[in-house]
């Protein structure tokens, strides 16, 4: 009886599978980390722009106008709401600026102001 030996290799060895899984896993972790940090950068950039817009609107004149809502001119993604609120002190008002983006409040800044009425 003649013994038949098959010498063709089909498939992958366990070492090859483990190495390929390690390489693919490393790439997935690197891609996830990159996307996470890009998203974090975009959020911080939006918060910085909102803070600068709120600060600009907080100190601009005239303050005697009533409540207003508007879109910011340099970047149309942001809108702001300006409110003048009465306080218990005569002639002192609270100016509140709220900056929003995509319907979400990003930052609120307040300042006490003296209005001559």
C-alpha atoms as a PDB file:
ATOM      1  CA  UNK A   1       0.000   0.000   0.000  1.00  0.00           C
ATOM      2  CA  UNK A   2       1.293   3.327  -1.014  1.00  0.00           C
ATOM      3  CA  UNK A   3       0.915   6.193   1.409  1.00  0.00           C
ATOM      4  CA  UNK A   4      -0.255   9.499  -0.111  1.00  0.00           C
ATOM      5  CA  UNK A   5       1.206  12.639   1.404  1.00  0.00           C
ATOM      6  CA  UNK A   6      -0.446  15.939   0.664  1.00  0.00           C
ATOM      7  CA  UNK A   7       2.070  18.711   0.643  1.00  0.00           C
ATOM      8  CA  UNK A   8      -0.144  21.691  -0.146  1.00  0.00           C
ATOM      9  CA  UNK A   9      -0.668  24.226   2.624  1.00  0.00           C
ATOM     10  CA  UNK A  10      -4.082  25.798   2.771  1.00  0.00           C
ATOM     11  CA  UNK A  11      -5.035  28.405   5.351  1.00  0.00           C
ATOM     12  CA  UNK A  12      -3.055  30.391   7.857  1.00  0.00           C
ATOM     13  CA  UNK A  13      -1.049  29.330  10.834  1.00  0.00           C
ATOM     14  CA  UNK A  14      -1.958  30.447  14.328  1.00  0.00           C
ATOM     15  CA  UNK A  15       1.063  32.770  14.452  1.00  0.00           C
ATOM     16  CA  UNK A  16       0.013  34.522  11.234  1.00  0.00           C
ATOM     17  CA  UNK A  17      -3.516  35.049  12.532  1.00  0.00           C
ATOM     18  CA  UNK A  18      -2.271  36.447  15.859  1.00  0.00           C
ATOM     19  CA  UNK A  19       0.177  38.823  14.178  1.00  0.00           C
ATOM     20  CA  UNK A  20      -2.475  40.113  11.781  1.00  0.00           C
ATOM     21  CA  UNK A  21      -4.910  40.628  14.680  1.00  0.00           C
ATOM     22  CA  UNK A  22      -2.252  42.586  16.590  1.00  0.00           C
ATOM     23  CA  UNK A  23      -1.558  44.805  13.561  1.00  0.00           C
ATOM     24  CA  UNK A  24      -5.253  45.449  12.871  1.00  0.00           C
ATOM     25  CA  UNK A  25      -5.897  46.106  16.578  1.00  0.00           C
ATOM     26  CA  UNK A  26      -3.071  48.646  16.703  1.00  0.00           C
ATOM     27  CA  UNK A  27      -4.458  50.443  13.650  1.00  0.00           C
ATOM     28  CA  UNK A  28      -7.970  50.570  15.119  1.00  0.00           C
ATOM     29  CA  UNK A  29      -6.674  51.997  18.418  1.00  0.00           C
ATOM     30  CA  UNK A  30      -4.595  54.611  16.574  1.00  0.00           C
ATOM     31  CA  UNK A  31      -7.543  55.646  14.385  1.00  0.00           C
ATOM     32  CA  UNK A  32      -9.905  55.878  17.366  1.00  0.00           C
ATOM     33  CA  UNK A  33      -7.377  57.973  19.289  1.00  0.00           C
ATOM     34  CA  UNK A  34      -6.914  60.311  16.322  1.00  0.00           C
ATOM     35  CA  UNK A  35     -10.665  60.828  15.862  1.00  0.00           C
ATOM     36  CA  UNK A  36     -11.184  61.371  19.602  1.00  0.00           C
ATOM     37  CA  UNK A  37      -8.497  64.046  19.775  1.00  0.00           C
ATOM     38  CA  UNK A  38      -9.769  65.778  16.631  1.00  0.00           C
ATOM     39  CA  UNK A  39     -13.264  65.933  18.140  1.00  0.00           C
ATOM     40  CA  UNK A  40     -11.835  67.287  21.401  1.00  0.00           C
ATOM     41  CA  UNK A  41      -9.917  69.952  19.476  1.00  0.00           C
ATOM     42  CA  UNK A  42     -13.076  71.038  17.626  1.00  0.00           C
ATOM     43  CA  UNK A  43     -15.050  71.287  20.891  1.00  0.00           C
ATOM     44  CA  UNK A  44     -12.340  73.401  22.526  1.00  0.00           C
ATOM     45  CA  UNK A  45     -12.124  75.648  19.485  1.00  0.00           C
ATOM     46  CA  UNK A  46     -15.908  76.191  19.571  1.00  0.00           C
ATOM     47  CA  UNK A  47     -15.803  76.977  23.287  1.00  0.00           C
ATOM     48  CA  UNK A  48     -12.996  79.492  22.752  1.00  0.00           C
ATOM     49  CA  UNK A  49     -14.893  81.224  19.934  1.00  0.00           C
ATOM     50  CA  UNK A  50     -18.063  81.314  22.061  1.00  0.00           C
ATOM     51  CA  UNK A  51     -16.137  82.801  24.986  1.00  0.00           C
ATOM     52  CA  UNK A  52     -14.606  85.504  22.823  1.00  0.00           C
ATOM     53  CA  UNK A  53     -18.006  86.354  21.293  1.00  0.00           C
ATOM     54  CA  UNK A  54     -19.660  86.535  24.739  1.00  0.00           C
ATOM     55  CA  UNK A  55     -16.874  88.746  26.063  1.00  0.00           C
ATOM     56  CA  UNK A  56     -17.146  91.061  23.057  1.00  0.00           C
ATOM     57  CA  UNK A  57     -20.928  91.392  23.421  1.00  0.00           C
ATOM     58  CA  UNK A  58     -20.644  91.844  27.201  1.00  0.00           C
ATOM     59  CA  UNK A  59     -18.575  95.008  26.882  1.00  0.00           C
ATOM     60  CA  UNK A  60     -20.008  96.581  23.751  1.00  0.00           C
ATOM     61  CA  UNK A  61     -22.161  99.694  23.843  1.00  0.00           C
ATOM     62  CA  UNK A  62     -24.958 100.772  24.024  1.00  0.00           C
ATOM     63  CA  UNK A  63     -26.238  98.863  27.008  1.00  0.00           C
ATOM     64  CA  UNK A  64     -29.556 100.681  27.231  1.00  0.00           C
ATOM     65  CA  UNK A  65     -31.250  98.580  24.601  1.00  0.00           C
ATOM     66  CA  UNK A  66     -33.557  95.820  25.714  1.00  0.00           C
ATOM     67  CA  UNK A  67     -33.222  92.088  25.195  1.00  0.00           C
ATOM     68  CA  UNK A  68     -31.857  91.043  21.834  1.00  0.00           C
ATOM     69  CA  UNK A  69     -31.062  87.903  19.940  1.00  0.00           C
ATOM     70  CA  UNK A  70     -28.763  87.793  16.951  1.00  0.00           C
ATOM     71  CA  UNK A  71     -26.379  85.674  14.995  1.00  0.00           C
ATOM     72  CA  UNK A  72     -22.707  86.442  15.233  1.00  0.00           C
ATOM     73  CA  UNK A  73     -21.231  88.029  12.164  1.00  0.00           C
ATOM     74  CA  UNK A  74     -17.846  86.293  11.858  1.00  0.00           C
ATOM     75  CA  UNK A  75     -19.193  82.762  12.296  1.00  0.00           C
ATOM     76  CA  UNK A  76     -22.835  81.933  11.579  1.00  0.00           C
ATOM     77  CA  UNK A  77     -22.680  78.775  13.674  1.00  0.00           C
ATOM     78  CA  UNK A  78     -23.015  80.844  16.848  1.00  0.00           C
ATOM     79  CA  UNK A  79     -25.898  82.924  18.081  1.00  0.00           C
ATOM     80  CA  UNK A  80     -26.170  84.979  21.229  1.00  0.00           C
ATOM     81  CA  UNK A  81     -28.918  86.193  23.518  1.00  0.00           C
ATOM     82  CA  UNK A  82     -28.532  89.435  25.484  1.00  0.00           C
ATOM     83  CA  UNK A  83     -30.730  90.021  28.526  1.00  0.00           C
ATOM     84  CA  UNK A  84     -30.830  92.965  30.926  1.00  0.00           C
ATOM     85  CA  UNK A  85     -32.242  91.813  34.261  1.00  0.00           C
ATOM     86  CA  UNK A  86     -33.429  93.994  37.125  1.00  0.00           C
ATOM     87  CA  UNK A  87     -31.655  93.732  40.476  1.00  0.00           C
ATOM     88  CA  UNK A  88     -32.860  94.881  43.910  1.00  0.00           C
ATOM     89  CA  UNK A  89     -30.387  97.776  43.770  1.00  0.00           C
ATOM     90  CA  UNK A  90     -31.428 101.149  42.313  1.00  0.00           C
ATOM     91  CA  UNK A  91     -29.833 101.835  38.916  1.00  0.00           C
ATOM     92  CA  UNK A  92     -27.915  98.520  38.838  1.00  0.00           C
ATOM     93  CA  UNK A  93     -28.827  95.895  36.239  1.00  0.00           C
ATOM     94  CA  UNK A  94     -27.469  92.472  35.421  1.00  0.00           C
ATOM     95  CA  UNK A  95     -26.375  91.995  31.832  1.00  0.00           C
ATOM     96  CA  UNK A  96     -26.396  88.333  30.786  1.00  0.00           C
ATOM     97  CA  UNK A  97     -24.985  87.086  27.488  1.00  0.00           C
ATOM     98  CA  UNK A  98     -25.638  83.482  26.445  1.00  0.00           C
ATOM     99  CA  UNK A  99     -23.877  82.070  23.374  1.00  0.00           C
ATOM    100  CA  UNK A 100     -25.418  79.080  21.632  1.00  0.00           C
ATOM    101  CA  UNK A 101     -24.330  76.733  18.884  1.00  0.00           C
ATOM    102  CA  UNK A 102     -26.620  74.152  17.271  1.00  0.00           C
ATOM    103  CA  UNK A 103     -29.350  74.958  19.808  1.00  0.00           C
ATOM    104  CA  UNK A 104     -27.062  74.181  22.755  1.00  0.00           C
ATOM    105  CA  UNK A 105     -25.887  76.766  25.287  1.00  0.00           C
ATOM    106  CA  UNK A 106     -22.106  76.899  25.236  1.00  0.00           C
ATOM    107  CA  UNK A 107     -21.345  79.717  27.660  1.00  0.00           C
ATOM    108  CA  UNK A 108     -23.114  82.328  29.770  1.00  0.00           C
ATOM    109  CA  UNK A 109     -21.386  85.473  31.030  1.00  0.00           C
ATOM    110  CA  UNK A 110     -22.834  88.073  33.373  1.00  0.00           C
ATOM    111  CA  UNK A 111     -21.860  91.607  34.339  1.00  0.00           C
ATOM    112  CA  UNK A 112     -23.346  94.165  36.676  1.00  0.00           C
ATOM    113  CA  UNK A 113     -23.913  97.490  34.941  1.00  0.00           C
ATOM    114  CA  UNK A 114     -25.092 100.906  36.029  1.00  0.00           C
ATOM    115  CA  UNK A 115     -27.824 102.379  33.863  1.00  0.00           C
ATOM    116  CA  UNK A 116     -28.785 106.022  34.166  1.00  0.00           C
ATOM    117  CA  UNK A 117     -32.539 106.091  33.873  1.00  0.00           C
END
